[in-house]
């Protein structure tokens, strides 16, 4: 099962516009096996966050991308919950990576 298929199987799908932006941001990550979901979603969220922070200004036009980054992180931890023993390490890594993006 790919990440795109994993997302389509969610019980509460996101609104269509958000789902389309998530798919767009995932790009090639969307074809990865669902077993890579936690890492792929964080990778995509980090890349999007870096893009957002590199923009000269972030007005209302950034709202969809902020929601997309949030959704990707949420999905990363939803997928990671399949193996609770990894949650603490994944959370620490995600916080480090996302904070580093903001520091650059």
N, C-alpha and C. Protein backbone atom coordinates (compact mmCIF):
# COMPACT_ATOMS: atom_id res chain seq x y z
N UNK A 1 0.85 -1.17 0.00
CA UNK A 1 0.00 0.00 0.00
C UNK A 1 0.90 1.24 0.00
N UNK A 2 0.58 2.21 -0.85
CA UNK A 2 1.36 3.44 -0.91
C UNK A 2 0.83 4.45 0.10
N UNK A 3 1.59 5.52 0.28
CA UNK A 3 1.12 6.58 1.18
C UNK A 3 -0.18 7.19 0.67
N UNK A 4 -0.29 7.36 -0.63
CA UNK A 4 -1.54 7.91 -1.17
C UNK A 4 -2.73 7.00 -0.85
N UNK A 5 -2.53 5.71 -0.99
CA UNK A 5 -3.60 4.76 -0.66
C UNK A 5 -3.90 4.81 0.84
N UNK A 6 -2.87 4.91 1.65
CA UNK A 6 -3.05 5.00 3.10
C UNK A 6 -3.90 6.22 3.44
N UNK A 7 -3.61 7.34 2.80
CA UNK A 7 -4.38 8.56 3.05
C UNK A 7 -5.83 8.42 2.60
N UNK A 8 -6.04 7.78 1.46
CA UNK A 8 -7.41 7.60 0.96
C UNK A 8 -8.25 6.73 1.90
N UNK A 9 -7.59 5.85 2.66
CA UNK A 9 -8.30 4.95 3.57
C UNK A 9 -8.65 5.57 4.92
N UNK A 10 -8.29 6.82 5.14
CA UNK A 10 -8.58 7.47 6.42
C UNK A 10 -10.08 7.57 6.62
N UNK A 11 -10.52 7.35 7.83
CA UNK A 11 -11.95 7.43 8.16
C UNK A 11 -12.50 8.83 8.00
N UNK A 12 -11.75 9.80 8.42
CA UNK A 12 -12.17 11.20 8.31
C UNK A 12 -11.27 11.91 7.31
N UNK A 13 -11.63 11.85 6.04
CA UNK A 13 -10.76 12.48 5.05
C UNK A 13 -10.76 14.01 5.21
N UNK A 14 -9.66 14.63 4.85
CA UNK A 14 -9.62 16.10 4.94
C UNK A 14 -10.49 16.72 3.85
N UNK A 15 -10.79 18.00 3.99
CA UNK A 15 -11.52 18.68 2.91
C UNK A 15 -10.76 18.54 1.59
N UNK A 16 -11.48 18.58 0.50
CA UNK A 16 -10.89 18.31 -0.82
C UNK A 16 -9.68 19.19 -1.12
N UNK A 17 -9.77 20.47 -0.82
CA UNK A 17 -8.66 21.37 -1.13
C UNK A 17 -7.41 21.02 -0.32
N UNK A 18 -7.59 20.68 0.94
CA UNK A 18 -6.46 20.27 1.77
C UNK A 18 -5.90 18.95 1.28
N UNK A 19 -6.75 18.01 0.95
CA UNK A 19 -6.29 16.71 0.44
C UNK A 19 -5.48 16.89 -0.84
N UNK A 20 -5.92 17.77 -1.71
CA UNK A 20 -5.19 18.02 -2.96
C UNK A 20 -3.82 18.63 -2.67
N UNK A 21 -3.75 19.54 -1.71
CA UNK A 21 -2.46 20.16 -1.37
C UNK A 21 -1.54 19.16 -0.70
N UNK A 22 -2.07 18.30 0.15
CA UNK A 22 -1.25 17.26 0.76
C UNK A 22 -0.66 16.37 -0.33
N UNK A 23 -1.48 15.96 -1.27
CA UNK A 23 -1.01 15.11 -2.36
C UNK A 23 0.07 15.82 -3.17
N UNK A 24 -0.13 17.09 -3.44
CA UNK A 24 0.84 17.87 -4.21
C UNK A 24 2.17 17.97 -3.46
N UNK A 25 2.11 18.26 -2.17
CA UNK A 25 3.32 18.41 -1.36
C UNK A 25 4.04 17.07 -1.22
N UNK A 26 3.28 15.99 -1.11
CA UNK A 26 3.92 14.67 -0.98
C UNK A 26 4.76 14.34 -2.21
N UNK A 27 4.28 14.75 -3.38
CA UNK A 27 5.03 14.48 -4.60
C UNK A 27 5.45 13.02 -4.66
N UNK A 28 6.74 12.78 -4.90
CA UNK A 28 7.22 11.39 -5.02
C UNK A 28 7.09 10.57 -3.73
N UNK A 29 7.05 11.24 -2.58
CA UNK A 29 6.87 10.51 -1.32
C UNK A 29 5.54 9.76 -1.33
N UNK A 30 4.56 10.26 -2.06
CA UNK A 30 3.24 9.64 -2.09
C UNK A 30 3.23 8.23 -2.64
N UNK A 31 4.26 7.89 -3.42
CA UNK A 31 4.37 6.55 -3.99
C UNK A 31 5.15 5.58 -3.11
N UNK A 32 5.66 6.09 -1.99
CA UNK A 32 6.41 5.23 -1.07
C UNK A 32 5.47 4.24 -0.40
N UNK A 33 6.03 3.16 0.07
CA UNK A 33 5.25 2.17 0.82
C UNK A 33 4.76 2.79 2.12
N UNK A 34 3.57 2.44 2.52
CA UNK A 34 2.97 2.99 3.73
C UNK A 34 3.80 2.72 4.98
N UNK A 35 4.64 1.70 4.94
CA UNK A 35 5.50 1.42 6.09
C UNK A 35 6.48 2.57 6.34
N UNK A 36 6.69 3.42 5.35
CA UNK A 36 7.59 4.57 5.47
C UNK A 36 6.82 5.85 5.83
N UNK A 37 5.54 5.72 6.13
CA UNK A 37 4.68 6.88 6.36
C UNK A 37 5.21 7.86 7.41
N UNK A 38 5.61 7.40 8.59
CA UNK A 38 6.05 8.38 9.59
C UNK A 38 7.20 9.25 9.09
N UNK A 39 8.19 8.64 8.48
CA UNK A 39 9.34 9.39 7.99
C UNK A 39 8.98 10.25 6.78
N UNK A 40 8.23 9.70 5.86
CA UNK A 40 7.88 10.43 4.64
C UNK A 40 7.02 11.64 4.95
N UNK A 41 6.07 11.50 5.85
CA UNK A 41 5.22 12.64 6.20
C UNK A 41 6.02 13.74 6.90
N UNK A 42 6.92 13.37 7.79
CA UNK A 42 7.76 14.38 8.44
C UNK A 42 8.69 15.03 7.42
N UNK A 43 9.27 14.23 6.51
CA UNK A 43 10.12 14.80 5.46
C UNK A 43 9.36 15.84 4.65
N UNK A 44 8.14 15.51 4.24
CA UNK A 44 7.33 16.42 3.43
C UNK A 44 6.95 17.67 4.24
N UNK A 45 6.59 17.49 5.50
CA UNK A 45 6.23 18.64 6.35
C UNK A 45 7.43 19.56 6.54
N UNK A 46 8.60 18.98 6.76
CA UNK A 46 9.80 19.78 6.96
C UNK A 46 10.13 20.56 5.68
N UNK A 47 10.04 19.92 4.54
CA UNK A 47 10.32 20.60 3.27
C UNK A 47 9.34 21.76 3.06
N UNK A 48 8.07 21.53 3.35
CA UNK A 48 7.07 22.57 3.19
C UNK A 48 7.33 23.71 4.18
N UNK A 49 7.66 23.39 5.41
CA UNK A 49 7.95 24.42 6.41
C UNK A 49 9.15 25.26 5.97
N UNK A 50 10.17 24.63 5.47
CA UNK A 50 11.35 25.37 4.99
C UNK A 50 10.95 26.31 3.84
N UNK A 51 10.10 25.82 2.95
CA UNK A 51 9.62 26.65 1.85
C UNK A 51 8.83 27.86 2.39
N UNK A 52 7.96 27.59 3.34
CA UNK A 52 7.18 28.69 3.94
C UNK A 52 8.08 29.73 4.59
N UNK A 53 9.08 29.27 5.31
CA UNK A 53 9.97 30.19 6.02
C UNK A 53 10.88 30.97 5.08
N UNK A 54 11.10 30.45 3.90
CA UNK A 54 11.96 31.13 2.92
C UNK A 54 11.22 32.23 2.16
N UNK A 55 9.92 32.24 2.26
CA UNK A 55 9.13 33.25 1.55
C UNK A 55 9.35 34.62 2.20
N UNK A 56 9.33 35.67 1.37
CA UNK A 56 9.55 37.00 1.94
C UNK A 56 8.48 37.42 2.93
N UNK A 57 7.27 36.95 2.74
CA UNK A 57 6.21 37.23 3.70
C UNK A 57 5.23 36.07 3.70
N UNK A 58 4.58 35.91 4.81
CA UNK A 58 3.60 34.82 4.94
C UNK A 58 2.28 35.44 5.37
N UNK A 59 1.45 35.72 4.41
CA UNK A 59 0.14 36.28 4.70
C UNK A 59 -0.91 35.20 4.66
N UNK A 60 -2.12 35.62 4.37
CA UNK A 60 -3.24 34.68 4.30
C UNK A 60 -3.00 33.58 3.28
N UNK A 61 -2.21 33.89 2.25
CA UNK A 61 -1.95 32.90 1.21
C UNK A 61 -1.16 31.70 1.74
N UNK A 62 -0.56 31.83 2.91
CA UNK A 62 0.20 30.74 3.50
C UNK A 62 -0.67 29.81 4.35
N UNK A 63 -1.91 30.17 4.57
CA UNK A 63 -2.77 29.41 5.49
C UNK A 63 -2.92 27.95 5.06
N UNK A 64 -3.16 27.72 3.79
CA UNK A 64 -3.34 26.33 3.34
C UNK A 64 -2.07 25.52 3.54
N UNK A 65 -0.92 26.14 3.29
CA UNK A 65 0.33 25.42 3.49
C UNK A 65 0.60 25.14 4.96
N UNK A 66 0.23 26.06 5.84
CA UNK A 66 0.38 25.81 7.27
C UNK A 66 -0.51 24.65 7.71
N UNK A 67 -1.74 24.62 7.22
CA UNK A 67 -2.65 23.51 7.53
C UNK A 67 -2.10 22.20 6.95
N UNK A 68 -1.50 22.28 5.79
CA UNK A 68 -0.94 21.08 5.16
C UNK A 68 0.22 20.53 5.98
N UNK A 69 1.12 21.40 6.41
CA UNK A 69 2.24 20.96 7.24
C UNK A 69 1.73 20.33 8.53
N UNK A 70 0.74 20.96 9.15
CA UNK A 70 0.14 20.42 10.37
C UNK A 70 -0.46 19.04 10.11
N UNK A 71 -1.19 18.90 9.01
CA UNK A 71 -1.82 17.61 8.68
C UNK A 71 -0.76 16.54 8.46
N UNK A 72 0.32 16.89 7.78
CA UNK A 72 1.37 15.91 7.51
C UNK A 72 2.01 15.41 8.81
N UNK A 73 2.25 16.32 9.75
CA UNK A 73 2.81 15.91 11.04
C UNK A 73 1.81 15.03 11.79
N UNK A 74 0.55 15.41 11.75
CA UNK A 74 -0.49 14.61 12.41
C UNK A 74 -0.54 13.21 11.81
N UNK A 75 -0.51 13.11 10.49
CA UNK A 75 -0.52 11.80 9.84
C UNK A 75 0.74 11.00 10.18
N UNK A 76 1.86 11.68 10.31
CA UNK A 76 3.11 10.98 10.67
C UNK A 76 2.94 10.26 12.00
N UNK A 77 2.33 10.94 12.96
CA UNK A 77 2.17 10.32 14.27
C UNK A 77 1.02 9.34 14.33
N UNK A 78 0.02 9.54 13.51
CA UNK A 78 -1.03 8.54 13.40
C UNK A 78 -0.43 7.23 12.88
N UNK A 79 0.40 7.34 11.86
CA UNK A 79 1.05 6.14 11.31
C UNK A 79 2.05 5.54 12.30
N UNK A 80 2.79 6.40 12.99
CA UNK A 80 3.79 5.92 13.95
C UNK A 80 3.14 5.22 15.13
N UNK A 81 1.91 5.54 15.44
CA UNK A 81 1.22 4.92 16.57
C UNK A 81 1.04 3.42 16.39
N UNK A 82 1.25 2.94 15.17
CA UNK A 82 1.20 1.49 14.94
C UNK A 82 2.30 0.77 15.71
N UNK A 83 3.36 1.49 16.04
CA UNK A 83 4.46 0.94 16.83
C UNK A 83 4.78 1.93 17.95
N UNK A 84 4.02 1.87 19.03
CA UNK A 84 4.16 2.86 20.11
C UNK A 84 5.58 2.97 20.68
N UNK A 85 6.35 1.93 20.57
CA UNK A 85 7.71 1.98 21.12
C UNK A 85 8.59 3.00 20.40
N UNK A 86 8.17 3.45 19.22
CA UNK A 86 8.98 4.41 18.45
C UNK A 86 8.52 5.85 18.65
N UNK A 87 7.40 6.06 19.32
CA UNK A 87 6.82 7.40 19.40
C UNK A 87 7.73 8.44 20.05
N UNK A 88 8.34 8.11 21.15
CA UNK A 88 9.18 9.09 21.84
C UNK A 88 10.34 9.53 20.96
N UNK A 89 11.02 8.58 20.35
CA UNK A 89 12.14 8.92 19.48
C UNK A 89 11.70 9.71 18.26
N UNK A 90 10.57 9.31 17.69
CA UNK A 90 10.06 10.04 16.51
C UNK A 90 9.67 11.47 16.89
N UNK A 91 9.04 11.63 18.04
CA UNK A 91 8.63 12.97 18.48
C UNK A 91 9.85 13.87 18.70
N UNK A 92 10.86 13.33 19.34
CA UNK A 92 12.08 14.10 19.58
C UNK A 92 12.73 14.50 18.27
N UNK A 93 12.82 13.55 17.34
CA UNK A 93 13.42 13.84 16.03
C UNK A 93 12.60 14.88 15.26
N UNK A 94 11.29 14.73 15.26
CA UNK A 94 10.43 15.68 14.53
C UNK A 94 10.56 17.08 15.12
N UNK A 95 10.55 17.19 16.46
CA UNK A 95 10.68 18.51 17.08
C UNK A 95 12.03 19.14 16.74
N UNK A 96 13.07 18.34 16.76
CA UNK A 96 14.40 18.85 16.44
C UNK A 96 14.46 19.36 15.00
N UNK A 97 13.95 18.55 14.08
CA UNK A 97 14.00 18.91 12.67
C UNK A 97 13.15 20.14 12.35
N UNK A 98 11.95 20.19 12.88
CA UNK A 98 11.06 21.31 12.59
C UNK A 98 11.58 22.60 13.26
N UNK A 99 12.12 22.48 14.45
CA UNK A 99 12.69 23.66 15.11
C UNK A 99 13.93 24.15 14.37
N UNK A 100 14.74 23.25 13.86
CA UNK A 100 15.93 23.63 13.11
C UNK A 100 15.55 24.39 11.84
N UNK A 101 14.46 23.99 11.22
CA UNK A 101 14.00 24.69 10.01
C UNK A 101 13.67 26.14 10.35
N UNK A 102 13.09 26.37 11.51
CA UNK A 102 12.73 27.72 11.91
C UNK A 102 13.94 28.55 12.30
N UNK A 103 15.00 27.89 12.74
CA UNK A 103 16.22 28.60 13.17
C UNK A 103 17.09 29.04 12.01
N UNK A 104 16.85 28.49 10.84
CA UNK A 104 17.73 28.81 9.70
C UNK A 104 17.36 30.11 9.06
